[in-house]
Amino acid sequence: MAGQSRQYGWLEAVGLFQQLRNGDYETARRLIATSASPDLVVDDLLRMLVVFLRGEDVGKIDRFVEVALRAGPPPSPPTFVGEV
C-alpha cells in the first residue's frame, strides 16, 4: 500500500511540474493544497527539478538566478474570499 501511495505522490509531482511548465500557478498550488501528502509531492518535485536542471546550460541557469535576485519576488496573485 505504501508503494502505491508513493506512486500517487510521484504522479501528483509530475502533474504539478506540468502545470508550472504551462504557467498555471493557481492549479499547481491547488494540487499541493489538496494532496494527501503535500510534503512528499514537493519533495518529488524538487527531485524532478534537480534532474531537469542538470540537463540545462549552466550559463542559462546562472543568468536566470542573477535576474531573479535583481528582480525580487513576483507579485502575489489576488486573494479571494474562501480561498484555501
Foldseek 3Di string as FASTA:
>chain_A
DVVVLLVVLLVLLVVLVVCVVVVNPPVSVVSLVPRPCNVSNVVNNVVVVVVVVVPDDPVVVVVVVVVCVVVDDDDDDDDDPPDD
